[in-house]
Amino acid sequence: MMQRWIMNKSKQPNKADELSNKINEKFELLAKNLDSKQTEKEIKNYLQFAGKFHNYSLRNQMLIADEAMSRGTNVEHVASFKTWNELKNSDGKKVSVKKGEKGYSILVPVSYTKYELDENRKYKLDTEGKKIPKRDERGNIEKGLKFKAGTVFDVNQTTAKEIGAYKTLDYRAKVAVDESLFQKLSDEISQKFNVNVSHEPTGNSSKGYYSYDENKIVVDPSYSTSEKISTLFHELGHHQIHGKQFKDGTLNYDNLHKDRGAREGEAEAFSYILSSMSGIENKSELYIKTWGNDAKNLKERFSLITSAAKEAIQKLDLQKILSKEQQKVTAKEATKPKEKLKQELQKIKQDKTAQKAAQRTKQNTVEMER
């Protein structure tokens, strides 16, 4: 009886399996309801999380997003219990996770060594009775990857802000979406992605385009700055995703035009991630109905988009660019009280000058009347 209980227990899914199943079920549900406005809303939420938490895997982004949605909380920056406890403020005071806070479950990758097995699926042992590691053709020990359940906590579940040990990373409310940002992004994209970026009229109703043959991104300068930046990101999405597919032969112009809606959806979703990270509201069509008719296709498309966006964010060092823009806005806001005081003093000075002039005019008038 005890032996049977142990066997049954070993077959029970662990926490990591439950989390993986949860993600698979979510993709199944999304794939079945691509026509729903709620599905589009959820997908946009996931895309925002993809930019906010680009250092996390797609599965963990979705796990955190779903949990935050169910709790009705806004997640800002997450880290493990250990990471928060190691963080200190300038006085050396440690951050702590607040008592009673429930963390967010994620999947944590764990590397393990593979060992040689005999015909009975038992470990082979060396002369010292130790398991023999499996080696590849080059003689290197083979490693495998599995996942275990882990927990992370949001900064608002800790004392980090209260003791001044955390500097906000939310650029969205502070970034100046102006021409200098557009030019900076254009220059960085051109340099780091080895693609020509041109600001010129497209000659039609499109805001921009990408040409694989010319290795060129064009953005029409006649639109608003926000629209130009979103378009720039959209065309970068084409370059990152479809330019690579053209290069490796998995995409050509025939199947590009045949499946144009899906390709535009991929580029627009890519743009949505980077735009939302930059504080730009992107209302364009995501073409989610073309993203796949089953969970497998939908998951593959999600992975393709988020992986490309992650690579672009890191290659551009987008956080650094946005951080500098945030500093510009903060510095500008800091000078506002001084400017206001200067203007008030100037007004007082002008008023006094006007009063003196009026008094002189009045005095001259009286003398003339005399």
Protein backbone atom coordinates (compact mmCIF):
# COMPACT_ATOMS: atom_id res chain seq x y z
CA MET A 1 0.00 0.00 0.00
CA MET A 2 2.81 2.39 0.92
CA GLN A 3 4.68 1.52 -2.30
CA ARG A 4 1.58 2.27 -4.39
CA TRP A 5 1.12 5.62 -2.62
CA ILE A 6 4.73 6.60 -3.38
CA MET A 7 4.31 5.65 -7.05
CA ASN A 8 1.07 7.60 -7.37
CA LYS A 9 2.63 10.59 -5.63
CA SER A 10 5.55 10.63 -8.07
CA LYS A 11 3.10 10.81 -10.98
CA GLN A 12 1.30 13.83 -9.55
CA PRO A 13 2.12 17.08 -11.38
CA ASN A 14 4.44 19.39 -9.46
CA LYS A 15 4.08 23.17 -9.21
CA ALA A 16 6.24 23.75 -12.31
CA ASP A 17 4.04 21.39 -14.35
CA GLU A 18 0.94 23.21 -13.14
CA LEU A 19 2.37 26.56 -14.24
CA SER A 20 3.34 25.17 -17.66
CA ASN A 21 -0.13 23.68 -18.09
CA LYS A 22 -1.66 27.01 -17.13
CA ILE A 23 0.20 28.76 -19.97
CA ASN A 24 -0.73 26.04 -22.47
CA GLU A 25 -4.39 26.33 -21.46
CA LYS A 26 -4.21 30.11 -21.85
CA PHE A 27 -2.94 29.77 -25.43
CA GLU A 28 -5.72 27.27 -26.16
CA LEU A 29 -8.28 29.75 -24.86
CA LEU A 30 -6.82 32.69 -26.78
CA ALA A 31 -6.64 30.70 -30.03
CA LYS A 32 -10.32 29.77 -29.76
CA ASN A 33 -11.40 33.38 -29.25
CA LEU A 34 -9.32 35.47 -31.64
CA ASP A 35 -12.47 37.28 -32.81
CA SER A 36 -13.17 38.53 -29.29
CA LYS A 37 -12.36 42.10 -28.23
CA GLN A 38 -11.43 40.72 -24.82
CA THR A 39 -8.79 38.51 -26.46
CA GLU A 40 -7.28 41.51 -28.25
CA LYS A 41 -7.25 43.40 -24.95
CA GLU A 42 -5.45 40.50 -23.23
CA ILE A 43 -2.92 40.17 -26.04
CA LYS A 44 -2.14 43.90 -25.86
CA ASN A 45 -1.67 43.53 -22.12
CA TYR A 46 0.81 40.69 -22.69
CA LEU A 47 2.67 42.80 -25.25
CA GLN A 48 2.99 45.64 -22.74
CA PHE A 49 4.41 43.17 -20.22
CA ALA A 50 6.83 41.93 -22.88
CA GLY A 51 8.39 45.39 -22.99
CA LYS A 52 8.20 46.00 -19.27
CA PHE A 53 9.71 42.62 -18.36
CA HIS A 54 11.76 41.88 -21.48
CA ASN A 55 14.42 40.10 -19.40
CA TYR A 56 11.88 37.39 -18.54
CA SER A 57 10.73 34.58 -20.79
CA LEU A 58 7.39 34.74 -22.59
CA ARG A 59 5.90 32.17 -20.22
CA ASN A 60 6.94 34.12 -17.13
CA GLN A 61 5.70 37.39 -18.63
CA MET A 62 2.30 35.77 -19.11
CA LEU A 63 2.27 34.21 -15.63
CA ILE A 64 3.01 37.56 -13.99
CA ALA A 65 0.55 39.40 -16.24
CA ASP A 66 -2.28 36.95 -15.54
CA GLU A 67 -1.71 37.04 -11.79
CA ALA A 68 -1.52 40.84 -11.77
CA MET A 69 -4.74 41.01 -13.80
CA SER A 70 -6.57 38.66 -11.43
CA ARG A 71 -5.41 40.67 -8.40
CA GLY A 72 -6.11 44.02 -10.06
CA THR A 73 -2.59 45.25 -9.31
CA ASN A 74 -0.06 47.20 -11.37
CA VAL A 75 3.27 45.39 -11.37
CA GLU A 76 6.25 47.71 -11.71
CA HIS A 77 9.48 45.77 -11.12
CA VAL A 78 9.84 42.21 -9.84
CA ALA A 79 12.74 40.35 -8.24
CA SER A 80 13.28 37.33 -6.01
CA PHE A 81 13.03 37.46 -2.21
CA LYS A 82 16.82 37.05 -1.99
CA THR A 83 17.51 39.86 -4.48
CA TRP A 84 15.31 42.32 -2.59
CA ASN A 85 16.92 41.36 0.74
CA GLU A 86 20.39 42.03 -0.68
CA LEU A 87 19.40 45.54 -1.83
CA LYS A 88 20.42 48.44 0.43
CA ASN A 89 19.90 52.19 0.50
CA SER A 90 22.74 54.73 0.71
CA ASP A 91 22.81 54.38 4.52
CA GLY A 92 23.26 50.62 4.32
CA LYS A 93 19.72 49.78 5.39
CA LYS A 94 18.44 46.58 3.80
CA VAL A 95 15.23 46.22 1.84
CA SER A 96 12.73 43.66 3.07
CA VAL A 97 9.60 42.08 1.63
CA LYS A 98 6.58 43.25 3.60
CA LYS A 99 5.00 40.72 5.92
CA GLY A 100 2.06 38.78 4.49
CA GLU A 101 2.80 39.65 0.85
CA LYS A 102 2.06 36.92 -1.67
CA GLY A 103 4.57 36.72 -4.50
CA TYR A 104 4.10 35.97 -8.20
CA SER A 105 4.84 32.43 -9.36
CA ILE A 106 7.29 31.97 -12.23
CA LEU A 107 9.24 29.15 -13.88
CA VAL A 108 12.94 29.03 -13.03
CA PRO A 109 15.33 27.17 -15.37
CA VAL A 110 17.62 24.64 -13.68
CA SER A 111 20.60 23.05 -15.41
CA TYR A 112 21.45 19.43 -14.62
CA THR A 113 24.08 16.90 -15.67
CA LYS A 114 23.08 13.97 -17.87
CA TYR A 115 24.40 10.52 -16.86
CA GLU A 116 25.03 7.27 -18.71
CA LEU A 117 22.29 4.62 -18.42
CA ASP A 118 22.52 0.86 -18.93
CA GLU A 119 20.03 -1.32 -20.81
CA ASN A 120 17.81 -1.44 -17.71
CA ARG A 121 17.66 2.38 -17.54
CA LYS A 122 19.83 2.38 -14.41
CA TYR A 123 22.79 4.68 -13.90
CA LYS A 124 26.19 3.33 -14.93
CA LEU A 125 28.77 3.61 -12.14
CA ASP A 126 32.53 4.00 -12.29
CA THR A 127 35.05 2.04 -10.17
CA GLU A 128 34.40 4.40 -7.25
CA GLY A 129 30.65 3.83 -7.43
CA LYS A 130 29.93 7.30 -8.83
CA LYS A 131 27.53 8.01 -11.69
CA ILE A 132 29.25 8.41 -15.07
CA PRO A 133 28.47 11.73 -16.79
CA LYS A 134 27.30 11.57 -20.39
CA ARG A 135 29.67 13.29 -22.85
CA ASP A 136 29.18 14.69 -26.34
CA GLU A 137 31.40 14.15 -29.39
CA ARG A 138 33.87 16.76 -28.15
CA GLY A 139 34.14 15.15 -24.73
CA ASN A 140 32.14 17.85 -22.94
CA ILE A 141 29.73 16.81 -20.19
CA GLU A 142 26.16 17.01 -21.51
CA LYS A 143 23.73 19.26 -19.69
CA GLY A 144 19.95 19.24 -19.64
CA LEU A 145 17.43 21.90 -18.69
CA LYS A 146 14.36 21.55 -16.52
CA PHE A 147 12.15 23.99 -14.68
CA LYS A 148 11.12 24.48 -11.09
CA ALA A 149 8.59 26.87 -9.60
CA GLY A 150 9.94 30.11 -8.17
CA THR A 151 8.52 33.29 -6.66
CA VAL A 152 9.16 36.96 -7.33
CA PHE A 153 7.86 40.06 -5.56
CA ASP A 154 6.96 43.46 -6.95
CA VAL A 155 8.77 46.54 -5.64
CA ASN A 156 5.49 47.74 -4.12
CA GLN A 157 5.45 44.61 -1.94
CA THR A 158 8.76 45.67 -0.39
CA THR A 159 10.18 48.56 1.65
CA ALA A 160 12.50 49.60 -1.22
CA LYS A 161 10.67 52.84 -2.04
CA GLU A 162 10.07 53.74 1.60
CA ILE A 163 13.77 53.66 2.50
CA GLY A 164 14.90 55.23 -0.79
CA ALA A 165 16.64 52.14 -2.16
CA TYR A 166 14.73 52.06 -5.43
CA LYS A 167 14.80 54.49 -8.31
CA THR A 168 11.69 54.34 -10.46
CA LEU A 169 12.17 52.77 -13.88
CA ASP A 170 8.82 53.88 -15.26
CA TYR A 171 9.71 56.04 -18.26
CA ARG A 172 6.22 56.04 -19.74
CA ALA A 173 4.98 59.03 -17.75
CA LYS A 174 8.20 61.03 -18.03
CA VAL A 175 9.71 60.57 -21.49
CA ALA A 176 9.57 63.59 -23.79
CA VAL A 177 8.18 62.25 -27.06
CA ASP A 178 9.75 64.91 -29.23
CA GLU A 179 11.77 65.27 -32.44
CA SER A 180 15.07 64.79 -30.62
CA LEU A 181 13.92 61.35 -29.41
CA PHE A 182 12.77 60.42 -32.92
CA GLN A 183 16.13 61.49 -34.37
CA LYS A 184 18.06 59.68 -31.63
CA LEU A 185 16.14 56.45 -32.24
CA SER A 186 16.60 56.79 -36.01
CA ASP A 187 20.36 57.22 -35.62
CA GLU A 188 20.70 54.33 -33.15
CA ILE A 189 18.64 51.97 -35.30
CA SER A 190 20.64 52.84 -38.40
CA GLN A 191 23.94 52.28 -36.61
CA LYS A 192 23.17 49.22 -34.51
CA PHE A 193 21.02 47.32 -37.00
CA ASN A 194 23.07 48.21 -40.08
CA VAL A 195 20.04 49.52 -41.96
CA ASN A 196 19.53 52.87 -43.71
CA VAL A 197 16.88 55.06 -42.06
CA SER A 198 15.43 57.86 -44.18
CA HIS A 199 12.85 60.56 -43.36
CA GLU A 200 11.12 61.27 -46.66
CA PRO A 201 7.59 61.30 -48.16
CA THR A 202 6.37 57.83 -49.10
CA GLY A 203 4.34 59.14 -52.03
CA ASN A 204 1.18 57.38 -50.85
CA SER A 205 -1.03 57.02 -47.77
CA SER A 206 1.44 54.83 -45.87
CA LYS A 207 3.40 56.33 -42.98
CA GLY A 208 6.52 54.36 -43.86
CA TYR A 209 7.92 51.19 -45.38
CA TYR A 210 10.82 48.73 -45.22
CA SER A 211 12.71 47.48 -48.27
CA TYR A 212 14.74 44.30 -47.85
CA ASP A 213 16.37 44.73 -51.29
CA GLU A 214 17.52 48.27 -50.50
CA ASN A 215 18.14 47.54 -46.79
CA LYS A 216 16.18 50.68 -46.03
CA ILE A 217 13.58 51.99 -43.60
CA VAL A 218 11.58 55.03 -44.70
CA VAL A 219 9.42 57.14 -42.36
CA ASP A 220 7.22 59.92 -43.75
CA PRO A 221 8.08 63.14 -41.83
CA SER A 222 4.64 64.73 -42.29
CA TYR A 223 3.06 62.87 -39.35
CA SER A 224 3.14 63.59 -35.61
CA THR A 225 6.24 62.62 -33.62
CA SER A 226 4.42 59.79 -31.83
CA GLU A 227 3.22 58.37 -35.15
CA LYS A 228 6.70 58.63 -36.65
CA ILE A 229 8.29 56.77 -33.73
CA SER A 230 5.63 54.03 -33.83
CA THR A 231 6.15 53.73 -37.59
CA LEU A 232 9.92 53.57 -37.11
CA PHE A 233 9.45 50.70 -34.64
CA HIS A 234 7.00 48.99 -37.01
CA GLU A 235 9.47 49.05 -39.89
CA LEU A 236 12.25 47.91 -37.56
CA GLY A 237 9.98 44.96 -36.74
CA HIS A 238 9.86 44.08 -40.44
CA HIS A 239 13.65 44.35 -40.61
CA GLN A 240 14.19 42.26 -37.47
CA ILE A 241 11.64 39.53 -38.18
CA HIS A 242 11.07 39.39 -41.92
CA GLY A 243 14.46 40.68 -43.06
CA LYS A 244 16.05 37.72 -41.27
CA GLN A 245 13.53 35.33 -42.81
CA PHE A 246 14.32 36.69 -46.28
CA LYS A 247 18.00 36.22 -45.58
CA ASP A 248 17.72 32.58 -44.44
CA GLY A 249 15.28 31.72 -47.24
CA THR A 250 12.24 30.94 -45.08
CA LEU A 251 10.35 33.91 -46.57
CA ASN A 252 9.99 35.25 -50.11
CA TYR A 253 7.81 37.91 -51.75
CA ASP A 254 5.19 35.37 -52.86
CA ASN A 255 4.34 34.07 -49.39
CA LEU A 256 4.89 37.55 -47.92
CA HIS A 257 2.02 38.97 -49.99
CA LYS A 258 -0.06 35.83 -49.54
CA ASP A 259 0.13 36.17 -45.75
CA ARG A 260 0.47 39.95 -45.61
CA GLY A 261 -2.01 40.48 -42.78
CA ALA A 262 -0.10 38.17 -40.45
CA ARG A 263 3.25 39.80 -41.34
CA GLU A 264 1.83 43.27 -40.70
CA GLY A 265 0.42 41.99 -37.42
CA GLU A 266 3.85 40.74 -36.35
CA ALA A 267 5.50 44.08 -37.16
CA GLU A 268 2.71 46.03 -35.45
CA ALA A 269 2.88 43.86 -32.32
CA PHE A 270 6.65 44.41 -32.28
CA SER A 271 6.01 48.16 -32.52
CA TYR A 272 3.35 47.95 -29.80
CA ILE A 273 5.92 46.51 -27.36
CA LEU A 274 8.55 49.18 -27.99
CA SER A 275 6.01 52.02 -28.29
CA SER A 276 4.30 51.23 -24.98
CA MET A 277 7.72 51.04 -23.33
CA SER A 278 8.40 54.54 -24.70
CA GLY A 279 5.12 55.98 -23.43
CA ILE A 280 3.43 56.07 -26.85
CA GLU A 281 -0.13 54.85 -27.20
CA ASN A 282 -0.38 52.70 -30.31
CA LYS A 283 -3.95 52.14 -31.53
CA SER A 284 -3.12 50.38 -34.79
CA GLU A 285 -4.63 47.09 -35.92
CA LEU A 286 -2.74 44.01 -34.69
CA TYR A 287 -4.42 41.63 -37.16
CA ILE A 288 -4.68 39.02 -34.40
CA LYS A 289 -7.22 36.98 -36.40
CA THR A 290 -4.34 36.01 -38.69
CA TRP A 291 -2.02 34.92 -35.87
CA GLY A 292 -2.93 31.23 -36.09
CA ASN A 293 -5.92 28.95 -35.75
CA ASP A 294 -4.50 26.82 -32.94
CA ALA A 295 -2.54 27.23 -29.70
CA LYS A 296 0.71 25.97 -31.23
CA ASN A 297 0.71 28.55 -34.05
CA LEU A 298 -0.29 31.34 -31.69
CA LYS A 299 2.46 30.45 -29.22
CA GLU A 300 5.07 30.32 -32.02
CA ARG A 301 4.00 33.75 -33.28
CA PHE A 302 4.07 35.21 -29.78
CA SER A 303 7.55 33.78 -29.22
CA LEU A 304 8.77 35.15 -32.56
CA ILE A 305 7.49 38.66 -31.81
CA THR A 306 8.63 38.88 -28.18
CA SER A 307 12.07 37.39 -28.93
CA ALA A 308 12.63 39.93 -31.72
CA ALA A 309 11.46 42.77 -29.45
CA LYS A 310 13.72 41.61 -26.61
CA GLU A 311 16.72 41.53 -28.94
CA ALA A 312 15.90 45.01 -30.27
CA ILE A 313 15.44 46.51 -26.78
CA GLN A 314 18.79 45.14 -25.67
CA LYS A 315 20.64 45.98 -28.89
CA LEU A 316 19.28 49.54 -28.90
CA ASP A 317 19.84 49.83 -25.15
CA LEU A 318 16.37 51.38 -25.19
CA GLN A 319 16.22 51.70 -21.41
CA LYS A 320 19.31 53.92 -21.46
CA ILE A 321 17.90 56.11 -24.23
CA LEU A 322 14.59 56.52 -22.40
CA SER A 323 16.35 57.10 -19.08
CA LYS A 324 18.26 60.03 -20.60
CA GLU A 325 15.03 61.45 -21.99
CA GLN A 326 13.47 61.08 -18.54
CA GLN A 327 16.39 63.00 -17.02
CA LYS A 328 15.87 65.80 -19.56
CA VAL A 329 12.21 66.11 -18.56
CA THR A 330 13.06 66.00 -14.84
CA ALA A 331 15.72 68.69 -15.27
CA LYS A 332 13.29 70.83 -17.25
CA GLU A 333 10.64 70.45 -14.54
CA ALA A 334 13.19 71.41 -11.88
CA THR A 335 13.83 74.74 -13.64
CA LYS A 336 10.12 75.58 -13.85
CA PRO A 337 9.86 77.16 -10.34
CA LYS A 338 12.96 79.31 -11.08
CA GLU A 339 11.55 80.36 -14.44
CA LYS A 340 8.21 81.17 -12.85
CA LEU A 341 9.89 83.29 -10.16
CA LYS A 342 11.96 85.05 -12.81
CA GLN A 343 8.81 85.80 -14.83
CA GLU A 344 7.00 87.11 -11.72
CA LEU A 345 9.92 89.39 -10.81
CA GLN A 346 10.05 90.65 -14.38
CA LYS A 347 6.31 91.37 -14.26
CA ILE A 348 6.68 93.27 -10.96
CA LYS A 349 9.50 95.30 -12.49
CA GLN A 350 7.41 96.06 -15.58
CA ASP A 351 4.42 97.04 -13.41
CA LYS A 352 6.57 99.43 -11.36
CA THR A 353 7.99 100.99 -14.53
CA ALA A 354 4.47 101.39 -15.90
CA GLN A 355 3.28 102.98 -12.62
CA LYS A 356 6.15 105.49 -12.64
CA ALA A 357 5.43 106.36 -16.27
CA ALA A 358 1.76 106.86 -15.44
CA GLN A 359 2.63 109.11 -12.49
CA ARG A 360 4.93 111.23 -14.66
CA THR A 361 2.23 111.56 -17.33
CA LYS A 362 -0.31 112.59 -14.69
CA GLN A 363 2.08 115.14 -13.20
CA ASN A 364 2.83 116.65 -16.62
CA THR A 365 -0.89 116.87 -17.37
CA VAL A 366 -1.56 118.74 -14.09
CA GLU A 367 1.26 121.20 -14.79
CA MET A 368 -0.08 121.86 -18.30
CA GLU A 369 -3.54 122.51 -16.89
CA ARG A 370 -2.07 125.03 -14.51
